[in-house]
Amino acid sequence: MLQGPSSGVSDIEEKKKAMMNEMIAKLTDTCWDKCITGSIGSSFSNSETSCLSNCAKRFIDVKMLTMQRANSSS
């Protein structure tokens, strides 16, 4: 089966989606393990909410910094 030029774009988009899903899963696992220490209730405590927010921000900052450094060294 022949693939047109648009198939390359969809392949790139699929790879981007897969990378984003992987990053979100890693962020979720990392921050959950770090911040949720007690039993799971119907809502997060204030300290858990703060921890999750800070953890996610740091995770994203590190990812962005890593990508910038990788791109600048290429």
N, C-alpha and C. Protein backbone atom coordinates (compact mmCIF):
# COMPACT_ATOMS: atom_id res chain seq x y z
N MET A 1 0.85 -1.18 0.00
CA MET A 1 0.00 0.00 0.00
C MET A 1 0.89 1.24 0.00
N LEU A 2 0.62 2.17 -0.88
CA LEU A 2 1.38 3.41 -0.95
C LEU A 2 0.90 4.39 0.10
N GLN A 3 1.85 5.09 0.66
CA GLN A 3 1.50 6.10 1.66
C GLN A 3 1.79 7.47 1.08
N GLY A 4 0.87 8.38 1.26
CA GLY A 4 1.04 9.73 0.76
C GLY A 4 1.86 10.57 1.72
N PRO A 5 2.13 11.82 1.34
CA PRO A 5 2.93 12.70 2.18
C PRO A 5 2.30 12.96 3.54
N SER A 6 0.98 12.89 3.61
CA SER A 6 0.31 13.18 4.88
C SER A 6 0.55 12.09 5.92
N SER A 7 0.93 10.88 5.48
CA SER A 7 1.16 9.81 6.45
C SER A 7 2.37 10.11 7.32
N GLY A 8 3.36 10.82 6.80
CA GLY A 8 4.52 11.22 7.60
C GLY A 8 4.13 12.17 8.71
N VAL A 9 3.23 13.07 8.42
CA VAL A 9 2.75 14.01 9.44
C VAL A 9 2.00 13.27 10.53
N SER A 10 1.15 12.33 10.15
CA SER A 10 0.40 11.61 11.17
C SER A 10 1.32 10.73 12.01
N ASP A 11 2.38 10.19 11.42
CA ASP A 11 3.36 9.42 12.18
C ASP A 11 4.04 10.29 13.22
N ILE A 12 4.40 11.50 12.84
CA ILE A 12 5.03 12.44 13.77
C ILE A 12 4.06 12.79 14.88
N GLU A 13 2.82 13.05 14.53
CA GLU A 13 1.81 13.39 15.54
C GLU A 13 1.59 12.22 16.50
N GLU A 14 1.57 11.01 15.97
CA GLU A 14 1.40 9.83 16.82
C GLU A 14 2.57 9.68 17.78
N LYS A 15 3.78 9.93 17.29
CA LYS A 15 4.96 9.84 18.16
C LYS A 15 4.91 10.91 19.25
N LYS A 16 4.48 12.12 18.87
CA LYS A 16 4.36 13.19 19.86
C LYS A 16 3.33 12.83 20.93
N LYS A 17 2.20 12.27 20.49
CA LYS A 17 1.17 11.86 21.45
C LYS A 17 1.68 10.78 22.39
N ALA A 18 2.40 9.81 21.83
CA ALA A 18 2.94 8.73 22.64
C ALA A 18 3.95 9.26 23.66
N MET A 19 4.80 10.19 23.24
CA MET A 19 5.77 10.79 24.15
C MET A 19 5.07 11.58 25.25
N MET A 20 4.04 12.31 24.90
CA MET A 20 3.29 13.09 25.89
C MET A 20 2.60 12.16 26.89
N ASN A 21 1.99 11.11 26.39
CA ASN A 21 1.34 10.14 27.28
C ASN A 21 2.34 9.50 28.23
N GLU A 22 3.52 9.18 27.71
CA GLU A 22 4.57 8.59 28.55
C GLU A 22 5.03 9.57 29.63
N MET A 23 5.19 10.84 29.24
CA MET A 23 5.61 11.85 30.21
C MET A 23 4.55 12.04 31.30
N ILE A 24 3.29 12.07 30.91
CA ILE A 24 2.21 12.24 31.89
C ILE A 24 2.15 11.05 32.84
N ALA A 25 2.33 9.85 32.31
CA ALA A 25 2.32 8.66 33.16
C ALA A 25 3.48 8.70 34.15
N LYS A 26 4.65 9.11 33.69
CA LYS A 26 5.82 9.19 34.58
C LYS A 26 5.60 10.26 35.63
N LEU A 27 5.09 11.41 35.23
CA LEU A 27 4.79 12.49 36.18
C LEU A 27 3.80 12.00 37.23
N THR A 28 2.75 11.35 36.80
CA THR A 28 1.73 10.85 37.72
C THR A 28 2.33 9.87 38.72
N ASP A 29 3.08 8.90 38.22
CA ASP A 29 3.69 7.90 39.10
C ASP A 29 4.65 8.55 40.09
N THR A 30 5.52 9.41 39.59
CA THR A 30 6.53 10.05 40.43
C THR A 30 5.88 10.90 41.52
N CYS A 31 4.98 11.77 41.13
CA CYS A 31 4.37 12.69 42.09
C CYS A 31 3.42 11.96 43.04
N TRP A 32 2.72 10.96 42.56
CA TRP A 32 1.83 10.19 43.44
C TRP A 32 2.64 9.51 44.54
N ASP A 33 3.72 8.83 44.13
CA ASP A 33 4.55 8.13 45.11
C ASP A 33 5.18 9.08 46.12
N LYS A 34 5.53 10.27 45.67
CA LYS A 34 6.17 11.24 46.55
C LYS A 34 5.17 11.92 47.49
N CYS A 35 3.98 12.23 47.01
CA CYS A 35 3.07 13.11 47.74
C CYS A 35 1.92 12.42 48.47
N ILE A 36 1.48 11.29 48.00
CA ILE A 36 0.33 10.63 48.62
C ILE A 36 0.86 9.54 49.56
N THR A 37 0.87 9.87 50.84
CA THR A 37 1.48 8.97 51.81
C THR A 37 0.46 8.27 52.70
N GLY A 38 -0.71 8.83 52.82
CA GLY A 38 -1.73 8.25 53.70
C GLY A 38 -2.72 7.42 52.92
N SER A 39 -3.81 7.11 53.57
CA SER A 39 -4.87 6.37 52.90
C SER A 39 -5.60 7.30 51.92
N ILE A 40 -6.14 6.72 50.90
CA ILE A 40 -6.81 7.50 49.86
C ILE A 40 -8.23 7.80 50.31
N GLY A 41 -8.56 9.09 50.34
CA GLY A 41 -9.90 9.51 50.73
C GLY A 41 -10.64 10.07 49.53
N SER A 42 -11.69 10.80 49.81
CA SER A 42 -12.49 11.37 48.73
C SER A 42 -11.86 12.63 48.15
N SER A 43 -10.90 13.21 48.87
CA SER A 43 -10.20 14.38 48.34
C SER A 43 -8.79 14.42 48.93
N PHE A 44 -7.93 15.21 48.30
CA PHE A 44 -6.56 15.36 48.78
C PHE A 44 -6.52 16.36 49.92
N SER A 45 -5.58 16.17 50.84
CA SER A 45 -5.37 17.15 51.89
C SER A 45 -4.68 18.37 51.29
N ASN A 46 -4.64 19.47 52.03
CA ASN A 46 -3.96 20.68 51.55
C ASN A 46 -2.49 20.41 51.26
N SER A 47 -1.83 19.66 52.14
CA SER A 47 -0.41 19.38 51.92
C SER A 47 -0.20 18.48 50.70
N GLU A 48 -1.09 17.52 50.48
CA GLU A 48 -0.99 16.67 49.29
C GLU A 48 -1.21 17.48 48.02
N THR A 49 -2.19 18.37 48.05
CA THR A 49 -2.47 19.22 46.89
C THR A 49 -1.27 20.09 46.56
N SER A 50 -0.70 20.70 47.58
CA SER A 50 0.48 21.55 47.39
C SER A 50 1.66 20.74 46.87
N CYS A 51 1.87 19.58 47.46
CA CYS A 51 2.97 18.71 47.03
C CYS A 51 2.80 18.29 45.58
N LEU A 52 1.60 17.85 45.20
CA LEU A 52 1.35 17.43 43.83
C LEU A 52 1.58 18.56 42.84
N SER A 53 1.13 19.75 43.18
CA SER A 53 1.31 20.91 42.31
C SER A 53 2.79 21.24 42.14
N ASN A 54 3.51 21.31 43.24
CA ASN A 54 4.94 21.61 43.18
C ASN A 54 5.72 20.53 42.45
N CYS A 55 5.37 19.28 42.70
CA CYS A 55 6.05 18.17 42.04
C CYS A 55 5.85 18.23 40.52
N ALA A 56 4.62 18.47 40.09
CA ALA A 56 4.33 18.55 38.66
C ALA A 56 5.08 19.71 38.01
N LYS A 57 5.11 20.85 38.69
CA LYS A 57 5.83 22.01 38.14
C LYS A 57 7.32 21.72 38.01
N ARG A 58 7.91 21.12 39.03
CA ARG A 58 9.34 20.78 38.97
C ARG A 58 9.61 19.76 37.89
N PHE A 59 8.75 18.77 37.77
CA PHE A 59 8.90 17.73 36.75
C PHE A 59 8.91 18.36 35.36
N ILE A 60 7.96 19.24 35.10
CA ILE A 60 7.86 19.89 33.79
C ILE A 60 9.06 20.80 33.55
N ASP A 61 9.47 21.55 34.57
CA ASP A 61 10.65 22.42 34.44
C ASP A 61 11.89 21.62 34.08
N VAL A 62 12.09 20.49 34.74
CA VAL A 62 13.25 19.65 34.46
C VAL A 62 13.18 19.09 33.04
N LYS A 63 12.00 18.64 32.62
CA LYS A 63 11.83 18.13 31.26
C LYS A 63 12.16 19.21 30.23
N MET A 64 11.65 20.42 30.44
CA MET A 64 11.90 21.52 29.50
C MET A 64 13.39 21.86 29.46
N LEU A 65 14.03 21.95 30.62
CA LEU A 65 15.46 22.26 30.68
C LEU A 65 16.27 21.17 29.98
N THR A 66 15.92 19.93 30.21
CA THR A 66 16.61 18.81 29.57
C THR A 66 16.47 18.88 28.05
N MET A 67 15.27 19.17 27.57
CA MET A 67 15.05 19.27 26.13
C MET A 67 15.82 20.44 25.54
N GLN A 68 15.84 21.58 26.24
CA GLN A 68 16.58 22.75 25.75
C GLN A 68 18.07 22.44 25.64
N ARG A 69 18.61 21.80 26.66
CA ARG A 69 20.04 21.46 26.64
C ARG A 69 20.35 20.44 25.56
N ALA A 70 19.47 19.48 25.37
CA ALA A 70 19.68 18.48 24.32
C ALA A 70 19.65 19.14 22.94
N ASN A 71 18.72 20.08 22.74
CA ASN A 71 18.62 20.77 21.46
C ASN A 71 19.80 21.70 21.22
N SER A 72 20.31 22.34 22.26
CA SER A 72 21.42 23.27 22.08
C SER A 72 22.74 22.55 21.86
N SER A 73 22.86 21.31 22.32
CA SER A 73 24.10 20.57 22.12
C SER A 73 24.10 19.80 20.80
N SER A 74 22.98 19.81 20.09
CA SER A 74 22.88 19.07 18.82
C SER A 74 23.59 19.79 17.71
